[in-house]
Amino acid sequence: MPSVFKNFICLEGIDGSGKSTQIVALENLFKSKGLEVLKIREPGGTEISEAVRKILLDPEHKGKMSDITELLLYNAARSQLLHEVVKPALKKGVAVLADRFAYSTLAYQGYGRGLNIDMIKNLLNITCGDFFPNKTFILDIEISLSRERQQKDKNRSKADRIEQEENEFFERVAHGYRTIARENSGNCILLNAANSPEDIFKLIVNHLNS
């Protein structure tokens, strides 16, 4: 799913991998160079997408929501975000920094939930078309370290529906991310999230400049 836009960058990885830290650092770097920047998160970013986010992450829906419903809701939120925010920004030349995008669906609903990968890829093609990150940095982290970081995060609220999944689920998701990086080496870069934020940022910048 190659992108026709060269200023669409995504950070992927399970919670605790440090995505938000790197996005803030990239935002500051781009702004220091006089570039206009838009940060987005998935799911969310519009009134409709944020409403879908609440449904998806509500712990009250744990054990009730079907995997296919989850898959379609994530893509519904993504479609609205693309239509309302991302497409107009990219067409204006604004740099878009995404905290998760379509590869999250492959990792979580494909490898995590066990849904058909080809079906998901077809759905992503319908949802995204040419509007796909030209560079995706996947922060790879051990589940134990992910849990440890989340427990230390004083700003983190009660675990949402996805965060309440067992470690085995996140092991499948992490494996999925590694597989995605291997199969999409042209636009995906796998980085060790156990490294310092400063070292990770240097690697990201080096890849963007290469």
C-alpha atoms as a PDB file:
ATOM      1  CA  MET A   1       0.000   0.000   0.000  1.00  0.00           C
ATOM      2  CA  PRO A   2       2.453   2.696  -1.154  1.00  0.00           C
ATOM      3  CA  SER A   3       1.636   6.336  -0.522  1.00  0.00           C
ATOM      4  CA  VAL A   4       1.740   9.118  -3.095  1.00  0.00           C
ATOM      5  CA  PHE A   5       2.461  11.549  -0.256  1.00  0.00           C
ATOM      6  CA  LYS A   6       5.969  11.966   1.168  1.00  0.00           C
ATOM      7  CA  ASN A   7       5.023  13.756   4.377  1.00  0.00           C
ATOM      8  CA  PHE A   8       2.826  11.153   6.076  1.00  0.00           C
ATOM      9  CA  ILE A   9       4.662   9.426   8.956  1.00  0.00           C
ATOM     10  CA  CYS A  10       3.306   6.880  11.415  1.00  0.00           C
ATOM     11  CA  LEU A  11       4.484   5.447  14.738  1.00  0.00           C
ATOM     12  CA  GLU A  12       3.229   1.965  15.581  1.00  0.00           C
ATOM     13  CA  GLY A  13       3.632  -0.454  18.482  1.00  0.00           C
ATOM     14  CA  ILE A  14       1.816  -1.780  21.506  1.00  0.00           C
ATOM     15  CA  ASP A  15       1.159   0.496  24.489  1.00  0.00           C
ATOM     16  CA  GLY A  16       4.254   1.480  26.420  1.00  0.00           C
ATOM     17  CA  SER A  17       6.512   1.365  23.388  1.00  0.00           C
ATOM     18  CA  GLY A  18       7.071   5.128  23.352  1.00  0.00           C
ATOM     19  CA  LYS A  19       5.109   6.217  20.275  1.00  0.00           C
ATOM     20  CA  SER A  20       3.793   9.432  21.804  1.00  0.00           C
ATOM     21  CA  THR A  21       7.273  10.519  22.926  1.00  0.00           C
ATOM     22  CA  GLN A  22       8.672  10.138  19.424  1.00  0.00           C
ATOM     23  CA  ILE A  23       5.749  11.930  17.790  1.00  0.00           C
ATOM     24  CA  VAL A  24       6.212  14.944  20.054  1.00  0.00           C
ATOM     25  CA  ALA A  25       9.943  14.980  19.255  1.00  0.00           C
ATOM     26  CA  LEU A  26       9.217  14.804  15.511  1.00  0.00           C
ATOM     27  CA  GLU A  27       6.623  17.552  15.799  1.00  0.00           C
ATOM     28  CA  ASN A  28       9.149  19.819  17.492  1.00  0.00           C
ATOM     29  CA  LEU A  29      11.793  19.009  14.875  1.00  0.00           C
ATOM     30  CA  PHE A  30       9.487  19.730  11.949  1.00  0.00           C
ATOM     31  CA  LYS A  31       8.223  22.969  13.476  1.00  0.00           C
ATOM     32  CA  SER A  32      11.816  24.088  14.074  1.00  0.00           C
ATOM     33  CA  LYS A  33      12.318  23.751  10.328  1.00  0.00           C
ATOM     34  CA  GLY A  34       9.286  25.913   9.616  1.00  0.00           C
ATOM     35  CA  LEU A  35       7.017  23.042   8.556  1.00  0.00           C
ATOM     36  CA  GLU A  36       3.308  22.907   9.303  1.00  0.00           C
ATOM     37  CA  VAL A  37       2.508  19.744  11.252  1.00  0.00           C
ATOM     38  CA  LEU A  38      -0.656  17.859  12.113  1.00  0.00           C
ATOM     39  CA  LYS A  39      -0.710  15.172  14.826  1.00  0.00           C
ATOM     40  CA  ILE A  40      -3.407  12.522  14.748  1.00  0.00           C
ATOM     41  CA  ARG A  41      -4.229   9.484  16.868  1.00  0.00           C
ATOM     42  CA  GLU A  42      -6.229   6.398  16.078  1.00  0.00           C
ATOM     43  CA  PRO A  43      -8.994   5.825  16.672  1.00  0.00           C
ATOM     44  CA  GLY A  44     -10.140   9.429  17.018  1.00  0.00           C
ATOM     45  CA  GLY A  45      -9.409  12.873  15.660  1.00  0.00           C
ATOM     46  CA  THR A  46     -12.928  13.937  14.630  1.00  0.00           C
ATOM     47  CA  GLU A  47     -16.254  14.175  16.432  1.00  0.00           C
ATOM     48  CA  ILE A  48     -17.482  10.981  14.787  1.00  0.00           C
ATOM     49  CA  SER A  49     -14.187   9.113  15.192  1.00  0.00           C
ATOM     50  CA  GLU A  50     -13.931  10.048  18.871  1.00  0.00           C
ATOM     51  CA  ALA A  51     -17.463   8.720  19.426  1.00  0.00           C
ATOM     52  CA  VAL A  52     -16.427   5.440  17.782  1.00  0.00           C
ATOM     53  CA  ARG A  53     -13.310   5.392  19.991  1.00  0.00           C
ATOM     54  CA  LYS A  54     -15.448   5.497  23.113  1.00  0.00           C
ATOM     55  CA  ILE A  55     -17.444   2.507  21.892  1.00  0.00           C
ATOM     56  CA  LEU A  56     -14.328   0.539  20.954  1.00  0.00           C
ATOM     57  CA  LEU A  57     -12.407   1.116  24.172  1.00  0.00           C
ATOM     58  CA  ASP A  58     -15.244   1.045  26.712  1.00  0.00           C
ATOM     59  CA  PRO A  59     -14.454  -1.769  29.220  1.00  0.00           C
ATOM     60  CA  GLU A  60     -18.198  -2.383  29.502  1.00  0.00           C
ATOM     61  CA  HIS A  61     -18.093  -3.827  25.983  1.00  0.00           C
ATOM     62  CA  LYS A  62     -15.458  -6.443  26.819  1.00  0.00           C
ATOM     63  CA  GLY A  63     -16.732  -9.885  25.868  1.00  0.00           C
ATOM     64  CA  LYS A  64     -19.696  -8.405  24.003  1.00  0.00           C
ATOM     65  CA  MET A  65     -18.217  -6.918  20.849  1.00  0.00           C
ATOM     66  CA  SER A  66     -17.546  -9.322  17.991  1.00  0.00           C
ATOM     67  CA  ASP A  67     -14.156  -9.283  16.281  1.00  0.00           C
ATOM     68  CA  ILE A  68     -15.715  -8.286  12.945  1.00  0.00           C
ATOM     69  CA  THR A  69     -17.593  -5.417  14.600  1.00  0.00           C
ATOM     70  CA  GLU A  70     -14.309  -4.251  16.117  1.00  0.00           C
ATOM     71  CA  LEU A  71     -12.589  -4.451  12.725  1.00  0.00           C
ATOM     72  CA  LEU A  72     -15.306  -2.449  10.976  1.00  0.00           C
ATOM     73  CA  LEU A  73     -15.537   0.189  13.708  1.00  0.00           C
ATOM     74  CA  TYR A  74     -11.793   0.871  13.604  1.00  0.00           C
ATOM     75  CA  ASN A  75     -11.989   1.349   9.853  1.00  0.00           C
ATOM     76  CA  ALA A  76     -15.115   3.487  10.112  1.00  0.00           C
ATOM     77  CA  ALA A  77     -13.277   5.821  12.497  1.00  0.00           C
ATOM     78  CA  ARG A  78     -10.253   5.799  10.159  1.00  0.00           C
ATOM     79  CA  SER A  79     -12.371   6.574   7.097  1.00  0.00           C
ATOM     80  CA  GLN A  80     -13.905   9.607   8.790  1.00  0.00           C
ATOM     81  CA  LEU A  81     -10.501  10.834   9.981  1.00  0.00           C
ATOM     82  CA  LEU A  82      -9.081  10.519   6.477  1.00  0.00           C
ATOM     83  CA  HIS A  83     -12.044  12.267   4.881  1.00  0.00           C
ATOM     84  CA  GLU A  84     -12.326  15.098   7.348  1.00  0.00           C
ATOM     85  CA  VAL A  85      -8.728  15.749   8.443  1.00  0.00           C
ATOM     86  CA  VAL A  86      -5.890  13.787   6.833  1.00  0.00           C
ATOM     87  CA  LYS A  87      -6.691  14.100   3.128  1.00  0.00           C
ATOM     88  CA  PRO A  88      -7.166  17.885   3.227  1.00  0.00           C
ATOM     89  CA  ALA A  89      -3.965  18.301   5.249  1.00  0.00           C
ATOM     90  CA  LEU A  90      -1.814  16.167   2.943  1.00  0.00           C
ATOM     91  CA  LYS A  91      -3.169  17.899  -0.153  1.00  0.00           C
ATOM     92  CA  LYS A  92      -2.095  21.224   1.374  1.00  0.00           C
ATOM     93  CA  GLY A  93       1.410  19.890   2.001  1.00  0.00           C
ATOM     94  CA  VAL A  94       1.026  19.632   5.779  1.00  0.00           C
ATOM     95  CA  ALA A  95       3.180  16.965   7.448  1.00  0.00           C
ATOM     96  CA  VAL A  96       0.948  14.395   9.171  1.00  0.00           C
ATOM     97  CA  LEU A  97       2.269  12.467  12.184  1.00  0.00           C
ATOM     98  CA  ALA A  98       0.082   9.515  13.123  1.00  0.00           C
ATOM     99  CA  ASP A  99      -0.055   7.693  16.443  1.00  0.00           C
ATOM    100  CA  ARG A 100      -1.170   4.401  14.872  1.00  0.00           C
ATOM    101  CA  PHE A 101      -2.747   3.860  11.474  1.00  0.00           C
ATOM    102  CA  ALA A 102      -3.743   0.942   9.248  1.00  0.00           C
ATOM    103  CA  TYR A 103      -0.953  -1.425  10.286  1.00  0.00           C
ATOM    104  CA  SER A 104      -2.505  -1.398  13.762  1.00  0.00           C
ATOM    105  CA  THR A 105      -5.537  -3.111  12.276  1.00  0.00           C
ATOM    106  CA  LEU A 106      -3.371  -5.785  10.686  1.00  0.00           C
ATOM    107  CA  ALA A 107      -1.499  -6.325  13.950  1.00  0.00           C
ATOM    108  CA  TYR A 108      -4.411  -6.223  16.406  1.00  0.00           C
ATOM    109  CA  GLN A 109      -7.389  -7.550  14.453  1.00  0.00           C
ATOM    110  CA  GLY A 110      -5.377  -9.729  12.046  1.00  0.00           C
ATOM    111  CA  TYR A 111      -2.643 -11.300  14.141  1.00  0.00           C
ATOM    112  CA  GLY A 112      -4.124 -10.542  17.565  1.00  0.00           C
ATOM    113  CA  ARG A 113      -7.722 -11.580  16.904  1.00  0.00           C
ATOM    114  CA  GLY A 114      -6.899 -14.076  14.179  1.00  0.00           C
ATOM    115  CA  LEU A 115      -9.061 -12.536  11.455  1.00  0.00           C
ATOM    116  CA  ASN A 116      -8.223 -13.240   7.810  1.00  0.00           C
ATOM    117  CA  ILE A 117      -5.246 -11.122   6.768  1.00  0.00           C
ATOM    118  CA  ASP A 118      -6.227 -10.858   3.095  1.00  0.00           C
ATOM    119  CA  MET A 119      -9.735  -9.726   4.066  1.00  0.00           C
ATOM    120  CA  ILE A 120      -8.241  -6.999   6.263  1.00  0.00           C
ATOM    121  CA  LYS A 121      -5.859  -5.858   3.515  1.00  0.00           C
ATOM    122  CA  ASN A 122      -8.782  -5.550   1.092  1.00  0.00           C
ATOM    123  CA  LEU A 123     -10.711  -3.512   3.664  1.00  0.00           C
ATOM    124  CA  LEU A 124      -7.703  -1.260   4.251  1.00  0.00           C
ATOM    125  CA  ASN A 125      -7.405  -0.638   0.518  1.00  0.00           C
ATOM    126  CA  ILE A 126     -11.041   0.469   0.468  1.00  0.00           C
ATOM    127  CA  THR A 127     -10.593   2.646   3.555  1.00  0.00           C
ATOM    128  CA  CYS A 128      -7.232   4.251   2.776  1.00  0.00           C
ATOM    129  CA  GLY A 129      -6.600   4.117  -0.968  1.00  0.00           C
ATOM    130  CA  ASP A 130      -3.472   6.176  -1.704  1.00  0.00           C
ATOM    131  CA  PHE A 131      -3.579   7.884   1.679  1.00  0.00           C
ATOM    132  CA  PHE A 132      -1.139   5.657   3.501  1.00  0.00           C
ATOM    133  CA  PRO A 133       1.996   6.581   5.508  1.00  0.00           C
ATOM    134  CA  ASN A 134       5.102   6.650   3.358  1.00  0.00           C
ATOM    135  CA  LYS A 135       7.168   5.812   6.470  1.00  0.00           C
ATOM    136  CA  THR A 136       6.049   3.722   9.425  1.00  0.00           C
ATOM    137  CA  PHE A 137       8.277   3.219  12.448  1.00  0.00           C
ATOM    138  CA  ILE A 138       7.301   0.183  14.514  1.00  0.00           C
ATOM    139  CA  LEU A 139       8.569   0.290  18.094  1.00  0.00           C
ATOM    140  CA  ASP A 140       9.166  -3.313  19.119  1.00  0.00           C
ATOM    141  CA  ILE A 141       8.932  -4.028  22.841  1.00  0.00           C
ATOM    142  CA  GLU A 142       8.748  -7.066  25.100  1.00  0.00           C
ATOM    143  CA  ILE A 143       5.346  -7.488  26.759  1.00  0.00           C
ATOM    144  CA  SER A 144       6.876  -7.479  30.247  1.00  0.00           C
ATOM    145  CA  LEU A 145       8.551  -4.112  29.618  1.00  0.00           C
ATOM    146  CA  SER A 146       5.353  -2.742  28.080  1.00  0.00           C
ATOM    147  CA  ARG A 147       3.392  -3.691  31.210  1.00  0.00           C
ATOM    148  CA  GLU A 148       6.082  -2.276  33.477  1.00  0.00           C
ATOM    149  CA  ARG A 149       6.050   1.087  31.701  1.00  0.00           C
ATOM    150  CA  GLN A 150       2.262   1.276  31.785  1.00  0.00           C
ATOM    151  CA  GLN A 151       2.217   0.604  35.528  1.00  0.00           C
ATOM    152  CA  LYS A 152       4.748   3.411  36.098  1.00  0.00           C
ATOM    153  CA  ASP A 153       2.798   5.905  33.975  1.00  0.00           C
ATOM    154  CA  LYS A 154       1.040   8.116  36.513  1.00  0.00           C
ATOM    155  CA  ASN A 155      -0.984   9.809  33.753  1.00  0.00           C
ATOM    156  CA  ARG A 156      -2.538   6.528  32.632  1.00  0.00           C
ATOM    157  CA  SER A 157      -6.160   6.039  33.600  1.00  0.00           C
ATOM    158  CA  LYS A 158      -8.084   2.790  34.058  1.00  0.00           C
ATOM    159  CA  ALA A 159      -7.202   0.127  31.478  1.00  0.00           C
ATOM    160  CA  ASP A 160      -9.513   0.228  28.456  1.00  0.00           C
ATOM    161  CA  ARG A 161     -11.124  -2.765  26.733  1.00  0.00           C
ATOM    162  CA  ILE A 162      -8.072  -3.528  24.576  1.00  0.00           C
ATOM    163  CA  GLU A 163      -5.547  -2.948  27.364  1.00  0.00           C
ATOM    164  CA  GLN A 164      -7.379  -5.518  29.497  1.00  0.00           C
ATOM    165  CA  GLU A 165      -6.481  -8.333  27.096  1.00  0.00           C
ATOM    166  CA  GLU A 166      -4.160 -11.111  28.309  1.00  0.00           C
ATOM    167  CA  ASN A 167      -0.429 -11.110  27.596  1.00  0.00           C
ATOM    168  CA  GLU A 168      -0.884 -13.855  24.992  1.00  0.00           C
ATOM    169  CA  PHE A 169      -2.961 -11.483  22.887  1.00  0.00           C
ATOM    170  CA  PHE A 170      -0.244  -8.838  22.952  1.00  0.00           C
ATOM    171  CA  GLU A 171       2.398 -11.452  22.139  1.00  0.00           C
ATOM    172  CA  ARG A 172       0.451 -12.212  18.950  1.00  0.00           C
ATOM    173  CA  VAL A 173       0.144  -8.504  18.195  1.00  0.00           C
ATOM    174  CA  ALA A 174       3.888  -7.931  18.697  1.00  0.00           C
ATOM    175  CA  HIS A 175       4.645 -10.912  16.453  1.00  0.00           C
ATOM    176  CA  GLY A 176       2.273  -9.424  13.894  1.00  0.00           C
ATOM    177  CA  TYR A 177       4.085  -6.099  13.939  1.00  0.00           C
ATOM    178  CA  ARG A 178       7.412  -7.874  13.342  1.00  0.00           C
ATOM    179  CA  THR A 179       5.892  -9.770  10.435  1.00  0.00           C
ATOM    180  CA  ILE A 180       4.450  -6.557   8.987  1.00  0.00           C
ATOM    181  CA  ALA A 181       7.854  -4.871   9.204  1.00  0.00           C
ATOM    182  CA  ARG A 182       9.519  -7.797   7.463  1.00  0.00           C
ATOM    183  CA  GLU A 183       6.927  -7.950   4.689  1.00  0.00           C
ATOM    184  CA  ASN A 184       6.873  -4.191   4.120  1.00  0.00           C
ATOM    185  CA  SER A 185      10.558  -3.330   4.444  1.00  0.00           C
ATOM    186  CA  GLY A 186      10.255  -0.594   1.837  1.00  0.00           C
ATOM    187  CA  ASN A 187       8.234   1.676   4.096  1.00  0.00           C
ATOM    188  CA  CYS A 188       8.388   0.003   7.547  1.00  0.00           C
ATOM    189  CA  ILE A 189      11.296   0.251   9.976  1.00  0.00           C
ATOM    190  CA  LEU A 190      11.396  -1.928  13.097  1.00  0.00           C
ATOM    191  CA  LEU A 191      13.097  -0.261  16.071  1.00  0.00           C
ATOM    192  CA  ASN A 192      13.996  -1.644  19.489  1.00  0.00           C
ATOM    193  CA  ALA A 193      11.784   0.239  21.970  1.00  0.00           C
ATOM    194  CA  ALA A 194      14.025  -0.831  24.872  1.00  0.00           C
ATOM    195  CA  ASN A 195      16.618   1.698  23.708  1.00  0.00           C
ATOM    196  CA  SER A 196      16.627   5.229  25.069  1.00  0.00           C
ATOM    197  CA  PRO A 197      14.136   7.700  23.550  1.00  0.00           C
ATOM    198  CA  GLU A 198      17.080   9.807  22.376  1.00  0.00           C
ATOM    199  CA  ASP A 199      18.713   6.913  20.519  1.00  0.00           C
ATOM    200  CA  ILE A 200      15.407   5.900  18.941  1.00  0.00           C
ATOM    201  CA  PHE A 201      14.784   9.458  17.788  1.00  0.00           C
ATOM    202  CA  LYS A 202      18.222   9.640  16.162  1.00  0.00           C
ATOM    203  CA  LEU A 203      17.468   6.452  14.230  1.00  0.00           C
ATOM    204  CA  ILE A 204      14.105   7.812  13.081  1.00  0.00           C
ATOM    205  CA  VAL A 205      15.652  11.059  11.869  1.00  0.00           C
ATOM    206  CA  ASN A 206      18.428   9.163  10.085  1.00  0.00           C
ATOM    207  CA  HIS A 207      15.861   7.041   8.233  1.00  0.00           C
ATOM    208  CA  LEU A 208      13.844  10.110   7.272  1.00  0.00           C
ATOM    209  CA  ASN A 209      16.953  11.813   5.923  1.00  0.00           C
ATOM    210  CA  SER A 210      18.202   8.789   3.967  1.00  0.00           C
END
